[in-house]
Amino acid sequence: MSETASRLDTAIRVFQEHKGLLRTSAAIRAGVNPATLYALRDAGVVEQMARGLYRLRDAEMLSNPDLAIVGAKVPQAVICLISALDWHDLTTQIPHEIHIAMPKSARAPRLPWPPVHVYRFTEPAYSAGAETHEIDGVSLRIYSAEKTLADCFKFRNQVGLDVALEALKEYIRRRHTKVDDLFRYSQICRVRSVMRPYLEALL
């Protein structure tokens, strides 16, 4: 095997070890030369998902490529509001963009795809209730169902009170209600007085 073929073969194995998805920086840290990465791209072995993010073409289909791209490219992002409701199967809304929470001081992400809607959160609302999930080999933070419900009431003017109420009713219908968490997050999000009447009526 020639030296070039050996480098290409090694790079493909690195992709396979990372479930077929790699950022350029991660590939370089794993020993893949940038020229080798671009050669794989030019040969059609890998495809560019976004700037600096590559996927092995013959890898398994991504279950949620949009969330995988956000997780890989915007590590500070936490999936929130409609997108988090969709993740928890608590809404009939079809998200046309990825809703993400970012710290007040963080630079807004520049992604050609997918479209994102950035919401600025202050502490402790930004960190509270953020859970880490692995999607297509990428770590991604998503707010818990209870924190997402509190956020939806906080941002009810943006997402719609009807959407927040629909989600709350569906959450309670499932009979796995964590009342203490709901009240704790409603306090953190400063919407306890807004949520309380609905909770008392539904519980």
N, C-alpha and C. Protein backbone atom coordinates (compact mmCIF):
# COMPACT_ATOMS: atom_id res chain seq x y z
N MET A 1 0.85 -1.20 0.00
CA MET A 1 0.00 0.00 0.00
C MET A 1 0.89 1.25 0.00
N SER A 2 0.59 2.21 -0.88
CA SER A 2 1.38 3.44 -0.95
C SER A 2 1.14 4.27 0.30
N GLU A 3 2.05 5.24 0.53
CA GLU A 3 1.93 6.12 1.69
C GLU A 3 0.64 6.92 1.65
N THR A 4 0.28 7.42 0.43
CA THR A 4 -0.96 8.20 0.29
C THR A 4 -2.18 7.34 0.62
N ALA A 5 -2.23 6.14 0.07
CA ALA A 5 -3.35 5.24 0.32
C ALA A 5 -3.44 4.89 1.79
N SER A 6 -2.29 4.73 2.44
CA SER A 6 -2.26 4.41 3.87
C SER A 6 -2.85 5.55 4.69
N ARG A 7 -2.48 6.80 4.31
CA ARG A 7 -3.02 7.95 5.03
C ARG A 7 -4.53 8.05 4.86
N LEU A 8 -5.01 7.80 3.64
CA LEU A 8 -6.45 7.85 3.38
C LEU A 8 -7.17 6.76 4.18
N ASP A 9 -6.60 5.58 4.20
CA ASP A 9 -7.21 4.47 4.92
C ASP A 9 -7.25 4.76 6.42
N THR A 10 -6.20 5.33 6.94
CA THR A 10 -6.15 5.69 8.37
C THR A 10 -7.21 6.75 8.69
N ALA A 11 -7.34 7.74 7.80
CA ALA A 11 -8.32 8.79 8.01
C ALA A 11 -9.74 8.23 8.02
N ILE A 12 -10.02 7.30 7.12
CA ILE A 12 -11.35 6.68 7.07
C ILE A 12 -11.64 5.94 8.38
N ARG A 13 -10.63 5.25 8.91
CA ARG A 13 -10.80 4.54 10.18
C ARG A 13 -11.10 5.52 11.31
N VAL A 14 -10.45 6.70 11.28
CA VAL A 14 -10.71 7.71 12.30
C VAL A 14 -12.17 8.16 12.23
N PHE A 15 -12.67 8.38 11.03
CA PHE A 15 -14.08 8.73 10.87
C PHE A 15 -14.98 7.64 11.41
N GLN A 16 -14.67 6.40 11.10
CA GLN A 16 -15.49 5.28 11.55
C GLN A 16 -15.51 5.18 13.07
N GLU A 17 -14.38 5.49 13.69
CA GLU A 17 -14.30 5.45 15.16
C GLU A 17 -15.14 6.55 15.80
N HIS A 18 -15.47 7.60 15.02
CA HIS A 18 -16.28 8.71 15.52
C HIS A 18 -17.68 8.69 14.89
N LYS A 19 -18.14 7.50 14.55
CA LYS A 19 -19.48 7.29 14.00
C LYS A 19 -19.71 8.07 12.71
N GLY A 20 -18.63 8.33 11.98
CA GLY A 20 -18.74 8.92 10.65
C GLY A 20 -18.83 10.42 10.60
N LEU A 21 -18.78 11.09 11.76
CA LEU A 21 -18.95 12.55 11.79
C LEU A 21 -17.80 13.19 12.55
N LEU A 22 -17.12 14.16 11.92
CA LEU A 22 -15.96 14.80 12.55
C LEU A 22 -15.86 16.26 12.16
N ARG A 23 -15.47 17.07 13.15
CA ARG A 23 -15.07 18.44 12.86
C ARG A 23 -13.62 18.41 12.39
N THR A 24 -13.24 19.40 11.61
CA THR A 24 -11.87 19.48 11.11
C THR A 24 -10.87 19.46 12.26
N SER A 25 -11.14 20.25 13.31
CA SER A 25 -10.22 20.33 14.44
C SER A 25 -10.07 18.98 15.13
N ALA A 26 -11.17 18.22 15.26
CA ALA A 26 -11.11 16.91 15.90
C ALA A 26 -10.34 15.93 15.03
N ALA A 27 -10.53 16.03 13.72
CA ALA A 27 -9.81 15.14 12.80
C ALA A 27 -8.31 15.39 12.89
N ILE A 28 -7.91 16.66 12.94
CA ILE A 28 -6.49 17.00 13.03
C ILE A 28 -5.91 16.49 14.35
N ARG A 29 -6.67 16.66 15.45
CA ARG A 29 -6.19 16.15 16.75
C ARG A 29 -6.02 14.63 16.73
N ALA A 30 -6.84 13.96 15.91
CA ALA A 30 -6.76 12.49 15.81
C ALA A 30 -5.67 12.05 14.84
N GLY A 31 -4.94 13.01 14.27
CA GLY A 31 -3.81 12.66 13.42
C GLY A 31 -4.08 12.71 11.92
N VAL A 32 -5.25 13.23 11.53
CA VAL A 32 -5.57 13.33 10.10
C VAL A 32 -5.03 14.66 9.56
N ASN A 33 -4.18 14.58 8.57
CA ASN A 33 -3.63 15.78 7.95
C ASN A 33 -4.73 16.51 7.17
N PRO A 34 -4.79 17.84 7.25
CA PRO A 34 -5.82 18.58 6.50
C PRO A 34 -5.85 18.23 5.02
N ALA A 35 -4.67 18.04 4.42
CA ALA A 35 -4.62 17.69 2.99
C ALA A 35 -5.29 16.34 2.73
N THR A 36 -5.13 15.42 3.67
CA THR A 36 -5.78 14.11 3.54
C THR A 36 -7.29 14.25 3.64
N LEU A 37 -7.74 15.09 4.57
CA LEU A 37 -9.18 15.33 4.73
C LEU A 37 -9.78 15.91 3.45
N TYR A 38 -9.10 16.89 2.86
CA TYR A 38 -9.60 17.50 1.63
C TYR A 38 -9.55 16.53 0.46
N ALA A 39 -8.57 15.64 0.47
CA ALA A 39 -8.49 14.62 -0.59
C ALA A 39 -9.69 13.67 -0.49
N LEU A 40 -10.07 13.32 0.74
CA LEU A 40 -11.25 12.47 0.93
C LEU A 40 -12.52 13.19 0.47
N ARG A 41 -12.56 14.48 0.74
CA ARG A 41 -13.72 15.27 0.29
C ARG A 41 -13.78 15.32 -1.23
N ASP A 42 -12.65 15.62 -1.85
CA ASP A 42 -12.61 15.75 -3.31
C ASP A 42 -12.91 14.42 -4.01
N ALA A 43 -12.58 13.31 -3.32
CA ALA A 43 -12.84 12.00 -3.89
C ALA A 43 -14.27 11.53 -3.62
N GLY A 44 -15.01 12.32 -2.84
CA GLY A 44 -16.39 11.95 -2.54
C GLY A 44 -16.54 10.93 -1.43
N VAL A 45 -15.44 10.67 -0.71
CA VAL A 45 -15.51 9.70 0.38
C VAL A 45 -16.19 10.32 1.61
N VAL A 46 -15.92 11.60 1.83
CA VAL A 46 -16.61 12.33 2.89
C VAL A 46 -17.35 13.51 2.25
N GLU A 47 -18.39 13.97 2.92
CA GLU A 47 -19.14 15.13 2.46
C GLU A 47 -19.11 16.21 3.52
N GLN A 48 -19.14 17.44 3.08
CA GLN A 48 -19.10 18.57 4.00
C GLN A 48 -20.53 18.89 4.44
N MET A 49 -20.82 18.73 5.74
CA MET A 49 -22.15 19.00 6.28
C MET A 49 -22.33 20.49 6.56
N ALA A 50 -21.26 21.12 7.00
CA ALA A 50 -21.23 22.56 7.29
C ALA A 50 -19.76 22.94 7.30
N ARG A 51 -19.49 24.22 7.43
CA ARG A 51 -18.09 24.63 7.43
C ARG A 51 -17.34 23.96 8.58
N GLY A 52 -16.29 23.20 8.23
CA GLY A 52 -15.50 22.54 9.25
C GLY A 52 -16.11 21.28 9.82
N LEU A 53 -17.16 20.75 9.19
CA LEU A 53 -17.81 19.53 9.69
C LEU A 53 -18.01 18.57 8.53
N TYR A 54 -17.46 17.36 8.69
CA TYR A 54 -17.48 16.38 7.61
C TYR A 54 -18.11 15.06 8.06
N ARG A 55 -18.73 14.37 7.09
CA ARG A 55 -19.39 13.10 7.37
C ARG A 55 -18.94 12.07 6.35
N LEU A 56 -18.63 10.87 6.83
CA LEU A 56 -18.28 9.77 5.94
C LEU A 56 -19.53 9.35 5.16
N ARG A 57 -19.43 9.34 3.83
CA ARG A 57 -20.61 9.12 3.00
C ARG A 57 -21.29 7.77 3.23
N ASP A 58 -20.49 6.73 3.48
CA ASP A 58 -21.11 5.42 3.64
C ASP A 58 -21.45 5.10 5.10
N ALA A 59 -21.38 6.11 5.97
CA ALA A 59 -21.78 5.90 7.36
C ALA A 59 -23.30 5.78 7.43
N GLU A 60 -23.79 5.29 8.56
CA GLU A 60 -25.23 5.18 8.74
C GLU A 60 -25.86 6.56 8.59
N MET A 61 -27.09 6.56 8.07
CA MET A 61 -27.81 7.84 7.92
C MET A 61 -27.98 8.49 9.29
N LEU A 62 -27.79 9.79 9.35
CA LEU A 62 -27.97 10.51 10.61
C LEU A 62 -29.45 10.52 10.97
N SER A 63 -29.74 10.28 12.24
CA SER A 63 -31.14 10.29 12.68
C SER A 63 -31.69 11.71 12.76
N ASN A 64 -30.82 12.66 13.10
CA ASN A 64 -31.24 14.06 13.18
C ASN A 64 -30.07 14.95 12.79
N PRO A 65 -29.82 15.09 11.49
CA PRO A 65 -28.63 15.84 11.05
C PRO A 65 -28.62 17.30 11.50
N ASP A 66 -29.78 17.95 11.57
CA ASP A 66 -29.81 19.35 11.98
C ASP A 66 -29.30 19.52 13.41
N LEU A 67 -29.79 18.68 14.32
CA LEU A 67 -29.33 18.77 15.71
C LEU A 67 -27.87 18.35 15.82
N ALA A 68 -27.45 17.38 15.03
CA ALA A 68 -26.05 16.95 15.07
C ALA A 68 -25.13 18.10 14.64
N ILE A 69 -25.52 18.84 13.63
CA ILE A 69 -24.71 19.97 13.16
C ILE A 69 -24.63 21.04 14.25
N VAL A 70 -25.76 21.36 14.86
CA VAL A 70 -25.76 22.37 15.93
C VAL A 70 -24.88 21.92 17.09
N GLY A 71 -25.00 20.64 17.47
CA GLY A 71 -24.18 20.14 18.57
C GLY A 71 -22.70 20.19 18.27
N ALA A 72 -22.33 19.89 17.03
CA ALA A 72 -20.92 19.88 16.65
C ALA A 72 -20.35 21.28 16.46
N LYS A 73 -21.16 22.18 15.94
CA LYS A 73 -20.66 23.51 15.58
C LYS A 73 -20.88 24.58 16.66
N VAL A 74 -21.87 24.38 17.53
CA VAL A 74 -22.20 25.41 18.52
C VAL A 74 -22.26 24.76 19.90
N PRO A 75 -21.10 24.45 20.49
CA PRO A 75 -21.09 23.73 21.77
C PRO A 75 -21.76 24.46 22.92
N GLN A 76 -21.89 25.79 22.84
CA GLN A 76 -22.55 26.53 23.91
C GLN A 76 -24.07 26.48 23.80
N ALA A 77 -24.58 26.02 22.68
CA ALA A 77 -26.03 26.03 22.47
C ALA A 77 -26.73 24.98 23.33
N VAL A 78 -27.92 25.35 23.82
CA VAL A 78 -28.80 24.39 24.49
C VAL A 78 -30.12 24.43 23.71
N ILE A 79 -30.57 23.28 23.24
CA ILE A 79 -31.82 23.22 22.49
C ILE A 79 -32.97 23.60 23.42
N CYS A 80 -33.81 24.54 22.99
CA CYS A 80 -34.84 25.07 23.87
C CYS A 80 -36.17 25.25 23.14
N LEU A 81 -37.18 25.64 23.90
CA LEU A 81 -38.49 26.05 23.41
C LEU A 81 -39.09 25.05 22.42
N ILE A 82 -39.52 25.48 21.23
CA ILE A 82 -40.24 24.59 20.32
C ILE A 82 -39.40 23.37 19.95
N SER A 83 -38.10 23.57 19.73
CA SER A 83 -37.24 22.44 19.36
C SER A 83 -37.12 21.44 20.50
N ALA A 84 -37.06 21.94 21.74
CA ALA A 84 -37.00 21.04 22.90
C ALA A 84 -38.35 20.35 23.11
N LEU A 85 -39.45 21.08 22.90
CA LEU A 85 -40.77 20.45 22.98
C LEU A 85 -40.88 19.31 21.98
N ASP A 86 -40.37 19.54 20.78
CA ASP A 86 -40.40 18.52 19.74
C ASP A 86 -39.57 17.31 20.16
N TRP A 87 -38.42 17.55 20.74
CA TRP A 87 -37.56 16.46 21.21
C TRP A 87 -38.29 15.61 22.26
N HIS A 88 -39.01 16.28 23.16
CA HIS A 88 -39.73 15.58 24.22
C HIS A 88 -41.13 15.11 23.77
N ASP A 89 -41.45 15.34 22.49
CA ASP A 89 -42.75 14.93 21.94
C ASP A 89 -43.90 15.54 22.71
N LEU A 90 -43.79 16.86 22.94
CA LEU A 90 -44.81 17.57 23.71
C LEU A 90 -45.52 18.64 22.89
N THR A 91 -45.38 18.59 21.58
CA THR A 91 -46.02 19.61 20.75
C THR A 91 -46.42 19.04 19.40
N THR A 92 -47.44 19.67 18.83
CA THR A 92 -47.84 19.33 17.45
C THR A 92 -47.22 20.32 16.47
N GLN A 93 -46.49 21.30 17.01
CA GLN A 93 -45.83 22.29 16.15
C GLN A 93 -44.69 21.63 15.38
N ILE A 94 -44.48 22.07 14.16
CA ILE A 94 -43.36 21.58 13.35
C ILE A 94 -42.30 22.68 13.32
N PRO A 95 -41.19 22.47 14.02
CA PRO A 95 -40.16 23.53 14.05
C PRO A 95 -39.51 23.72 12.68
N HIS A 96 -39.50 24.96 12.21
CA HIS A 96 -38.88 25.28 10.92
C HIS A 96 -37.46 25.82 11.09
N GLU A 97 -37.04 25.97 12.34
CA GLU A 97 -35.69 26.38 12.66
C GLU A 97 -35.36 25.80 14.03
N ILE A 98 -34.10 25.69 14.33
CA ILE A 98 -33.67 25.14 15.60
C ILE A 98 -33.62 26.26 16.63
N HIS A 99 -34.39 26.11 17.71
CA HIS A 99 -34.39 27.10 18.79
C HIS A 99 -33.27 26.75 19.75
N ILE A 100 -32.35 27.68 19.96
CA ILE A 100 -31.23 27.44 20.86
C ILE A 100 -31.11 28.57 21.87
N ALA A 101 -30.71 28.20 23.09
CA ALA A 101 -30.40 29.17 24.13
C ALA A 101 -28.90 29.39 24.14
N MET A 102 -28.50 30.66 24.27
CA MET A 102 -27.09 31.02 24.35
C MET A 102 -26.90 32.00 25.49
N PRO A 103 -25.71 32.01 26.11
CA PRO A 103 -25.44 33.03 27.14
C PRO A 103 -25.50 34.43 26.53
N LYS A 104 -25.77 35.39 27.37
CA LYS A 104 -25.89 36.78 26.91
C LYS A 104 -24.64 37.26 26.17
N SER A 105 -23.48 36.83 26.67
CA SER A 105 -22.23 37.35 26.12
C SER A 105 -21.69 36.54 24.94
N ALA A 106 -22.32 35.42 24.62
CA ALA A 106 -21.79 34.54 23.57
C ALA A 106 -22.03 35.13 22.19
N ARG A 107 -21.09 34.88 21.29
CA ARG A 107 -21.21 35.34 19.91
C ARG A 107 -22.27 34.50 19.18
N ALA A 108 -23.11 35.16 18.42
CA ALA A 108 -24.17 34.45 17.68
C ALA A 108 -23.54 33.52 16.65
N PRO A 109 -24.03 32.29 16.55
CA PRO A 109 -23.44 31.35 15.58
C PRO A 109 -23.76 31.74 14.14
N ARG A 110 -22.84 31.41 13.25
CA ARG A 110 -23.06 31.65 11.82
C ARG A 110 -23.07 30.31 11.11
N LEU A 111 -24.23 29.81 10.87
CA LEU A 111 -24.39 28.51 10.22
C LEU A 111 -25.16 28.68 8.92
N PRO A 112 -24.61 28.18 7.81
CA PRO A 112 -25.38 28.21 6.57
C PRO A 112 -26.58 27.28 6.65
N TRP A 113 -26.48 26.27 7.47
CA TRP A 113 -27.57 25.31 7.70
C TRP A 113 -27.27 24.56 8.98
N PRO A 114 -28.28 24.25 9.78
CA PRO A 114 -29.70 24.58 9.64
C PRO A 114 -29.98 26.00 10.13
N PRO A 115 -31.16 26.55 9.81
CA PRO A 115 -31.51 27.86 10.35
C PRO A 115 -31.73 27.76 11.86
N VAL A 116 -31.19 28.72 12.59
CA VAL A 116 -31.34 28.71 14.05
C VAL A 116 -31.95 30.02 14.52
N HIS A 117 -32.70 29.94 15.60
CA HIS A 117 -33.24 31.13 16.27
C HIS A 117 -32.61 31.18 17.64
N VAL A 118 -31.85 32.23 17.90
CA VAL A 118 -31.09 32.34 19.15
C VAL A 118 -31.89 33.11 20.19
N TYR A 119 -32.00 32.53 21.38
CA TYR A 119 -32.60 33.20 22.53
C TYR A 119 -31.50 33.41 23.56
N ARG A 120 -31.42 34.61 24.10
CA ARG A 120 -30.37 34.93 25.07
C ARG A 120 -30.89 34.66 26.48
N PHE A 121 -30.18 33.81 27.20
CA PHE A 121 -30.55 33.44 28.56
C PHE A 121 -29.49 33.96 29.53
N THR A 122 -29.94 34.43 30.68
CA THR A 122 -29.02 34.80 31.75
C THR A 122 -28.98 33.66 32.77
N GLU A 123 -27.97 33.68 33.60
CA GLU A 123 -27.89 32.69 34.68
C GLU A 123 -28.85 33.06 35.80
N PRO A 124 -29.43 32.06 36.49
CA PRO A 124 -29.18 30.63 36.35
C PRO A 124 -30.06 29.94 35.30
N ALA A 125 -30.90 30.72 34.59
CA ALA A 125 -31.84 30.11 33.64
C ALA A 125 -31.12 29.39 32.49
N TYR A 126 -29.93 29.89 32.12
CA TYR A 126 -29.21 29.26 31.01
C TYR A 126 -28.73 27.86 31.38
N SER A 127 -28.14 27.69 32.55
CA SER A 127 -27.55 26.41 32.95
C SER A 127 -28.57 25.43 33.52
N ALA A 128 -29.62 25.93 34.13
CA ALA A 128 -30.58 25.07 34.84
C ALA A 128 -31.31 24.14 33.87
N GLY A 129 -31.36 22.87 34.22
CA GLY A 129 -32.15 21.91 33.46
C GLY A 129 -31.55 21.46 32.15
N ALA A 130 -30.30 21.82 31.87
CA ALA A 130 -29.66 21.39 30.62
C ALA A 130 -29.15 19.96 30.77
N GLU A 131 -29.63 19.08 29.91
CA GLU A 131 -29.24 17.68 29.93
C GLU A 131 -28.41 17.37 28.69
N THR A 132 -27.41 16.51 28.84
CA THR A 132 -26.55 16.16 27.71
C THR A 132 -27.01 14.85 27.08
N HIS A 133 -27.22 14.88 25.78
CA HIS A 133 -27.62 13.69 25.03
C HIS A 133 -26.61 13.48 23.90
N GLU A 134 -26.53 12.25 23.43
CA GLU A 134 -25.68 11.97 22.27
C GLU A 134 -26.57 11.71 21.07
N ILE A 135 -26.37 12.51 20.03
CA ILE A 135 -27.16 12.38 18.81
C ILE A 135 -26.20 12.16 17.65
N ASP A 136 -26.30 11.01 17.02
CA ASP A 136 -25.43 10.68 15.89
C ASP A 136 -23.95 10.86 16.23
N GLY A 137 -23.59 10.47 17.45
CA GLY A 137 -22.20 10.54 17.87
C GLY A 137 -21.75 11.91 18.34
N VAL A 138 -22.67 12.87 18.40
CA VAL A 138 -22.35 14.24 18.81
C VAL A 138 -23.04 14.55 20.14
N SER A 139 -22.30 15.13 21.08
CA SER A 139 -22.91 15.54 22.35
C SER A 139 -23.69 16.83 22.14
N LEU A 140 -24.90 16.85 22.66
CA LEU A 140 -25.78 18.00 22.49
C LEU A 140 -26.55 18.22 23.77
N ARG A 141 -26.69 19.48 24.17
CA ARG A 141 -27.44 19.78 25.38
C ARG A 141 -28.87 20.20 25.01
N ILE A 142 -29.81 19.66 25.75
CA ILE A 142 -31.24 19.92 25.55
C ILE A 142 -31.86 20.14 26.92
N TYR A 143 -32.71 21.14 27.04
CA TYR A 143 -33.37 21.35 28.32
C TYR A 143 -34.33 20.21 28.63
N SER A 144 -34.44 19.87 29.91
CA SER A 144 -35.39 18.85 30.35
C SER A 144 -36.81 19.30 30.01
N ALA A 145 -37.74 18.35 30.05
CA ALA A 145 -39.13 18.68 29.75
C ALA A 145 -39.66 19.74 30.70
N GLU A 146 -39.33 19.61 31.99
CA GLU A 146 -39.85 20.55 32.99
C GLU A 146 -39.28 21.95 32.79
N LYS A 147 -37.97 22.03 32.50
CA LYS A 147 -37.36 23.34 32.26
C LYS A 147 -37.91 23.95 30.97
N THR A 148 -38.13 23.12 29.96
CA THR A 148 -38.67 23.61 28.68
C THR A 148 -40.06 24.20 28.87
N LEU A 149 -40.88 23.56 29.68
CA LEU A 149 -42.22 24.10 29.94
C LEU A 149 -42.15 25.47 30.60
N ALA A 150 -41.27 25.61 31.58
CA ALA A 150 -41.10 26.91 32.23
C ALA A 150 -40.62 27.96 31.23
N ASP A 151 -39.68 27.57 30.37
CA ASP A 151 -39.18 28.50 29.35
C ASP A 151 -40.30 28.94 28.40
N CYS A 152 -41.17 28.00 28.04
CA CYS A 152 -42.25 28.34 27.11
C CYS A 152 -43.22 29.35 27.71
N PHE A 153 -43.44 29.25 29.02
CA PHE A 153 -44.28 30.26 29.67
C PHE A 153 -43.54 31.59 29.77
N LYS A 154 -42.23 31.52 29.97
CA LYS A 154 -41.44 32.76 30.03
C LYS A 154 -41.45 33.47 28.68
N PHE A 155 -41.33 32.69 27.60
CA PHE A 155 -41.29 33.25 26.25
C PHE A 155 -42.63 33.06 25.54
N ARG A 156 -43.72 33.12 26.31
CA ARG A 156 -45.05 32.86 25.75
C ARG A 156 -45.44 33.86 24.67
N ASN A 157 -44.92 35.07 24.74
CA ASN A 157 -45.24 36.07 23.71
C ASN A 157 -44.58 35.71 22.38
N GLN A 158 -43.48 34.97 22.43
CA GLN A 158 -42.79 34.56 21.20
C GLN A 158 -43.32 33.24 20.66
N VAL A 159 -43.52 32.25 21.54
CA VAL A 159 -43.93 30.92 21.07
C VAL A 159 -45.44 30.73 21.09
N GLY A 160 -46.13 31.57 21.85
CA GLY A 160 -47.59 31.47 21.94
C GLY A 160 -48.02 30.77 23.22
N LEU A 161 -48.94 31.39 23.96
CA LEU A 161 -49.44 30.78 25.18
C LEU A 161 -50.16 29.48 24.88
N ASP A 162 -50.82 29.40 23.72
CA ASP A 162 -51.52 28.16 23.35
C ASP A 162 -50.55 27.00 23.20
N VAL A 163 -49.36 27.28 22.69
CA VAL A 163 -48.34 26.23 22.54
C VAL A 163 -47.86 25.76 23.91
N ALA A 164 -47.63 26.71 24.82
CA ALA A 164 -47.18 26.36 26.17
C ALA A 164 -48.24 25.54 26.90
N LEU A 165 -49.51 25.92 26.77
CA LEU A 165 -50.59 25.19 27.44
C LEU A 165 -50.78 23.80 26.85
N GLU A 166 -50.71 23.70 25.53
CA GLU A 166 -50.82 22.39 24.88
C GLU A 166 -49.74 21.44 25.42
N ALA A 167 -48.52 21.95 25.53
CA ALA A 167 -47.40 21.14 26.00
C ALA A 167 -47.59 20.74 27.46
N LEU A 168 -48.04 21.68 28.28
CA LEU A 168 -48.25 21.39 29.70
C LEU A 168 -49.33 20.32 29.88
N LYS A 169 -50.42 20.43 29.13
CA LYS A 169 -51.50 19.43 29.22
C LYS A 169 -51.02 18.05 28.79
N GLU A 170 -50.23 18.00 27.73
CA GLU A 170 -49.71 16.71 27.26
C GLU A 170 -48.74 16.12 28.28
N TYR A 171 -47.92 16.98 28.87
CA TYR A 171 -46.96 16.53 29.88
C TYR A 171 -47.69 15.91 31.07
N ILE A 172 -48.72 16.58 31.55
CA ILE A 172 -49.46 16.09 32.72
C ILE A 172 -50.29 14.85 32.36
N ARG A 173 -50.76 14.77 31.13
CA ARG A 173 -51.54 13.61 30.70
C ARG A 173 -50.72 12.32 30.79
N ARG A 174 -49.42 12.43 30.64
CA ARG A 174 -48.57 11.24 30.66
C ARG A 174 -48.36 10.67 32.07
N ARG A 175 -48.78 11.42 33.07
CA ARG A 175 -48.75 10.95 34.47
C ARG A 175 -47.34 10.66 34.99
N HIS A 176 -46.36 11.36 34.46
CA HIS A 176 -45.01 11.27 35.02
C HIS A 176 -44.59 12.66 35.50
N THR A 177 -45.56 13.36 36.06
CA THR A 177 -45.35 14.77 36.41
C THR A 177 -44.38 14.93 37.58
N LYS A 178 -43.39 15.77 37.39
CA LYS A 178 -42.44 16.12 38.45
C LYS A 178 -42.79 17.53 38.92
N VAL A 179 -43.75 17.58 39.85
CA VAL A 179 -44.29 18.86 40.28
C VAL A 179 -43.21 19.74 40.90
N ASP A 180 -42.35 19.15 41.72
CA ASP A 180 -41.31 19.94 42.37
C ASP A 180 -40.39 20.59 41.34
N ASP A 181 -40.04 19.83 40.29
CA ASP A 181 -39.18 20.39 39.24
C ASP A 181 -39.88 21.50 38.48
N LEU A 182 -41.16 21.31 38.20
CA LEU A 182 -41.91 22.35 37.49
C LEU A 182 -41.92 23.65 38.28
N PHE A 183 -42.18 23.56 39.57
CA PHE A 183 -42.21 24.77 40.39
C PHE A 183 -40.81 25.37 40.55
N ARG A 184 -39.79 24.50 40.66
CA ARG A 184 -38.42 25.01 40.81
C ARG A 184 -37.99 25.78 39.56
N TYR A 185 -38.26 25.22 38.38
CA TYR A 185 -37.86 25.91 37.15
C TYR A 185 -38.73 27.14 36.89
N SER A 186 -39.99 27.06 37.30
CA SER A 186 -40.84 28.25 37.13
C SER A 186 -40.33 29.40 38.00
N GLN A 187 -39.76 29.05 39.16
CA GLN A 187 -39.17 30.07 40.03
C GLN A 187 -37.90 30.64 39.40
N ILE A 188 -37.05 29.76 38.86
CA ILE A 188 -35.81 30.22 38.21
C ILE A 188 -36.13 31.12 37.02
N CYS A 189 -37.17 30.75 36.26
CA CYS A 189 -37.55 31.53 35.07
C CYS A 189 -38.47 32.70 35.40
N ARG A 190 -38.80 32.85 36.67
CA ARG A 190 -39.63 33.96 37.14
C ARG A 190 -41.03 33.96 36.52
N VAL A 191 -41.59 32.76 36.40
CA VAL A 191 -42.95 32.65 35.87
C VAL A 191 -43.82 31.80 36.79
N ARG A 192 -43.43 31.69 38.05
CA ARG A 192 -44.20 30.85 38.98
C ARG A 192 -45.65 31.33 39.09
N SER A 193 -45.83 32.65 39.21
CA SER A 193 -47.20 33.17 39.36
C SER A 193 -48.00 32.99 38.08
N VAL A 194 -47.32 32.90 36.93
CA VAL A 194 -48.01 32.69 35.65
C VAL A 194 -48.42 31.23 35.50
N MET A 195 -47.51 30.32 35.84
CA MET A 195 -47.77 28.89 35.66
C MET A 195 -48.68 28.30 36.72
N ARG A 196 -48.63 28.83 37.93
CA ARG A 196 -49.32 28.20 39.07
C ARG A 196 -50.81 27.97 38.83
N PRO A 197 -51.58 28.96 38.34
CA PRO A 197 -53.01 28.72 38.14
C PRO A 197 -53.29 27.57 37.16
N TYR A 198 -52.48 27.47 36.12
CA TYR A 198 -52.68 26.39 35.13
C TYR A 198 -52.32 25.05 35.76
N LEU A 199 -51.25 25.00 36.53
CA LEU A 199 -50.86 23.76 37.17
C LEU A 199 -51.93 23.30 38.17
N GLU A 200 -52.43 24.24 38.95
CA GLU A 200 -53.44 23.88 39.96
C GLU A 200 -54.72 23.41 39.29
N ALA A 201 -55.04 23.96 38.14
CA ALA A 201 -56.26 23.55 37.42
C ALA A 201 -56.12 22.18 36.79
N LEU A 202 -54.88 21.83 36.39
CA LEU A 202 -54.67 20.59 35.65
C LEU A 202 -54.28 19.40 36.53
N LEU A 203 -53.67 19.69 37.68
CA LEU A 203 -53.19 18.59 38.54
C LEU A 203 -54.33 17.99 39.36
